[in-house]
Amino acid sequence: MTRLLVSTLVVAAVGSALAQTPQTPAFRAGTHTVSVYATVLGVMVVLAFGTAAICTAIGAAIFLASDTTIAWSRFVQPLQRGPLIIIVTYHVAQVLILLGLAR
């Protein structure tokens, strides 16, 4: 129960921080869609931390970092090594999620 609460607070803090970033016209046009997707990702992370599989929880957090990097690069400012960061974190996250689910 404590893990779920902590995870929810972390997701809420990250969401609040991202909401304070400068928003481009492209972001404002898709605000509803982005908000729904961010909520789904947040729920996924909270549920992953609620499992007993630490690999799944870490993988979900890294997956959130990957998608946050995509959003930042698209809507705020492109990152110098953004594509590399995205592809590495995405694949590491997928492997960790699968390892956690396979146990």
C-alpha atoms as a PDB file:
ATOM      1  CA  MET A   1       0.000   0.000   0.000  1.00  0.00           C
ATOM      2  CA  THR A   2       2.830   2.405   0.830  1.00  0.00           C
ATOM      3  CA  ARG A   3       4.479   1.743  -2.521  1.00  0.00           C
ATOM      4  CA  LEU A   4       1.272   2.598  -4.352  1.00  0.00           C
ATOM      5  CA  LEU A   5       0.935   5.837  -2.429  1.00  0.00           C
ATOM      6  CA  VAL A   6       4.555   6.823  -3.059  1.00  0.00           C
ATOM      7  CA  SER A   7       4.244   5.951  -6.731  1.00  0.00           C
ATOM      8  CA  THR A   8       1.084   8.002  -7.095  1.00  0.00           C
ATOM      9  CA  LEU A   9       2.791  10.978  -5.457  1.00  0.00           C
ATOM     10  CA  VAL A  10       5.804  10.648  -7.777  1.00  0.00           C
ATOM     11  CA  VAL A  11       3.576  10.520 -10.849  1.00  0.00           C
ATOM     12  CA  ALA A  12       1.608  13.534  -9.623  1.00  0.00           C
ATOM     13  CA  ALA A  13       4.826  15.490  -8.981  1.00  0.00           C
ATOM     14  CA  VAL A  14       6.217  14.712 -12.435  1.00  0.00           C
ATOM     15  CA  GLY A  15       2.917  15.650 -14.037  1.00  0.00           C
ATOM     16  CA  SER A  16       2.810  18.932 -12.147  1.00  0.00           C
ATOM     17  CA  ALA A  17       6.385  19.753 -13.149  1.00  0.00           C
ATOM     18  CA  LEU A  18       5.687  19.035 -16.799  1.00  0.00           C
ATOM     19  CA  ALA A  19       2.529  21.120 -16.714  1.00  0.00           C
ATOM     20  CA  GLN A  20       4.650  24.129 -15.744  1.00  0.00           C
ATOM     21  CA  THR A  21       6.916  23.875 -18.806  1.00  0.00           C
ATOM     22  CA  PRO A  22       6.526  26.261 -21.730  1.00  0.00           C
ATOM     23  CA  GLN A  23       3.912  24.948 -24.117  1.00  0.00           C
ATOM     24  CA  THR A  24       4.190  25.217 -27.875  1.00  0.00           C
ATOM     25  CA  PRO A  25       1.183  25.575 -30.194  1.00  0.00           C
ATOM     26  CA  ALA A  26       1.592  21.885 -31.131  1.00  0.00           C
ATOM     27  CA  PHE A  27       1.179  20.928 -27.473  1.00  0.00           C
ATOM     28  CA  ARG A  28      -1.867  23.144 -26.947  1.00  0.00           C
ATOM     29  CA  ALA A  29      -3.539  21.616 -30.010  1.00  0.00           C
ATOM     30  CA  GLY A  30      -3.277  18.100 -28.562  1.00  0.00           C
ATOM     31  CA  THR A  31      -3.550  18.902 -24.862  1.00  0.00           C
ATOM     32  CA  HIS A  32      -6.500  16.591 -24.247  1.00  0.00           C
ATOM     33  CA  THR A  33      -4.907  13.638 -26.037  1.00  0.00           C
ATOM     34  CA  VAL A  34      -1.574  14.170 -24.318  1.00  0.00           C
ATOM     35  CA  SER A  35      -3.295  14.463 -20.927  1.00  0.00           C
ATOM     36  CA  VAL A  36      -5.189  11.206 -21.408  1.00  0.00           C
ATOM     37  CA  TYR A  37      -2.037   9.391 -22.520  1.00  0.00           C
ATOM     38  CA  ALA A  38      -0.064  10.821 -19.582  1.00  0.00           C
ATOM     39  CA  THR A  39      -2.775   9.626 -17.206  1.00  0.00           C
ATOM     40  CA  VAL A  40      -2.656   6.126 -18.679  1.00  0.00           C
ATOM     41  CA  LEU A  41       1.139   6.089 -18.324  1.00  0.00           C
ATOM     42  CA  GLY A  42       0.857   7.264 -14.727  1.00  0.00           C
ATOM     43  CA  VAL A  43      -1.624   4.528 -13.898  1.00  0.00           C
ATOM     44  CA  MET A  44       0.662   1.966 -15.552  1.00  0.00           C
ATOM     45  CA  VAL A  45       3.580   3.072 -13.377  1.00  0.00           C
ATOM     46  CA  VAL A  46       1.488   3.011 -10.202  1.00  0.00           C
ATOM     47  CA  LEU A  47       0.192  -0.481 -10.990  1.00  0.00           C
ATOM     48  CA  ALA A  48       3.693  -1.705 -11.837  1.00  0.00           C
ATOM     49  CA  PHE A  49       4.960  -0.499  -8.466  1.00  0.00           C
ATOM     50  CA  GLY A  50       2.049  -2.355  -6.886  1.00  0.00           C
ATOM     51  CA  THR A  51       3.354  -5.677  -8.175  1.00  0.00           C
ATOM     52  CA  ALA A  52       5.888  -7.757  -6.312  1.00  0.00           C
ATOM     53  CA  ALA A  53       8.185  -7.706  -9.351  1.00  0.00           C
ATOM     54  CA  ILE A  54      10.819  -5.028  -8.870  1.00  0.00           C
ATOM     55  CA  CYS A  55      11.962  -5.431 -12.495  1.00  0.00           C
ATOM     56  CA  THR A  56       8.474  -4.550 -13.715  1.00  0.00           C
ATOM     57  CA  ALA A  57       8.345  -1.464 -11.503  1.00  0.00           C
ATOM     58  CA  ILE A  58      11.749  -0.219 -12.621  1.00  0.00           C
ATOM     59  CA  GLY A  59      10.880  -0.993 -16.246  1.00  0.00           C
ATOM     60  CA  ALA A  60       7.653   0.986 -15.988  1.00  0.00           C
ATOM     61  CA  ALA A  61       9.501   3.969 -14.502  1.00  0.00           C
ATOM     62  CA  ILE A  62      12.095   3.840 -17.288  1.00  0.00           C
ATOM     63  CA  PHE A  63       9.301   3.552 -19.866  1.00  0.00           C
ATOM     64  CA  LEU A  64       7.748   6.695 -18.367  1.00  0.00           C
ATOM     65  CA  ALA A  65      11.152   8.414 -18.672  1.00  0.00           C
ATOM     66  CA  SER A  66      11.348   7.348 -22.328  1.00  0.00           C
ATOM     67  CA  ASP A  67       7.922   8.733 -23.163  1.00  0.00           C
ATOM     68  CA  THR A  68       8.619  11.888 -21.172  1.00  0.00           C
ATOM     69  CA  THR A  69      11.754  12.389 -23.282  1.00  0.00           C
ATOM     70  CA  ILE A  70       9.660  11.987 -26.428  1.00  0.00           C
ATOM     71  CA  ALA A  71       7.148  14.566 -25.178  1.00  0.00           C
ATOM     72  CA  TRP A  72       9.861  16.992 -24.130  1.00  0.00           C
ATOM     73  CA  SER A  73      11.620  16.705 -27.497  1.00  0.00           C
ATOM     74  CA  ARG A  74       8.384  17.158 -29.401  1.00  0.00           C
ATOM     75  CA  PHE A  75       6.611  19.849 -27.411  1.00  0.00           C
ATOM     76  CA  VAL A  76       9.261  21.782 -25.463  1.00  0.00           C
ATOM     77  CA  GLN A  77      12.721  21.618 -26.998  1.00  0.00           C
ATOM     78  CA  PRO A  78      14.567  18.961 -28.999  1.00  0.00           C
ATOM     79  CA  LEU A  79      17.279  17.250 -26.990  1.00  0.00           C
ATOM     80  CA  GLN A  80      20.746  16.893 -28.465  1.00  0.00           C
ATOM     81  CA  ARG A  81      20.833  13.105 -28.029  1.00  0.00           C
ATOM     82  CA  GLY A  82      17.083  12.678 -27.720  1.00  0.00           C
ATOM     83  CA  PRO A  83      16.624   9.843 -30.233  1.00  0.00           C
ATOM     84  CA  LEU A  84      19.429   7.804 -28.641  1.00  0.00           C
ATOM     85  CA  ILE A  85      18.067   8.374 -25.128  1.00  0.00           C
ATOM     86  CA  ILE A  86      14.573   7.412 -26.277  1.00  0.00           C
ATOM     87  CA  ILE A  87      15.523   4.194 -28.064  1.00  0.00           C
ATOM     88  CA  VAL A  88      17.824   2.977 -25.265  1.00  0.00           C
ATOM     89  CA  THR A  89      15.400   3.719 -22.429  1.00  0.00           C
ATOM     90  CA  TYR A  90      12.486   2.239 -24.386  1.00  0.00           C
ATOM     91  CA  HIS A  91      14.235  -1.082 -24.990  1.00  0.00           C
ATOM     92  CA  VAL A  92      15.681  -1.336 -21.475  1.00  0.00           C
ATOM     93  CA  ALA A  93      12.195  -0.682 -20.095  1.00  0.00           C
ATOM     94  CA  GLN A  94      10.619  -3.358 -22.281  1.00  0.00           C
ATOM     95  CA  VAL A  95      13.205  -5.952 -21.231  1.00  0.00           C
ATOM     96  CA  LEU A  96      12.752  -5.142 -17.529  1.00  0.00           C
ATOM     97  CA  ILE A  97       8.956  -5.270 -17.766  1.00  0.00           C
ATOM     98  CA  LEU A  98       9.117  -8.657 -19.484  1.00  0.00           C
ATOM     99  CA  LEU A  99      11.655 -10.019 -16.975  1.00  0.00           C
ATOM    100  CA  GLY A 100       9.387  -8.961 -14.130  1.00  0.00           C
ATOM    101  CA  LEU A 101       6.325 -10.525 -15.721  1.00  0.00           C
ATOM    102  CA  ALA A 102       8.151 -13.777 -16.556  1.00  0.00           C
ATOM    103  CA  ARG A 103       8.890 -14.498 -12.887  1.00  0.00           C
END
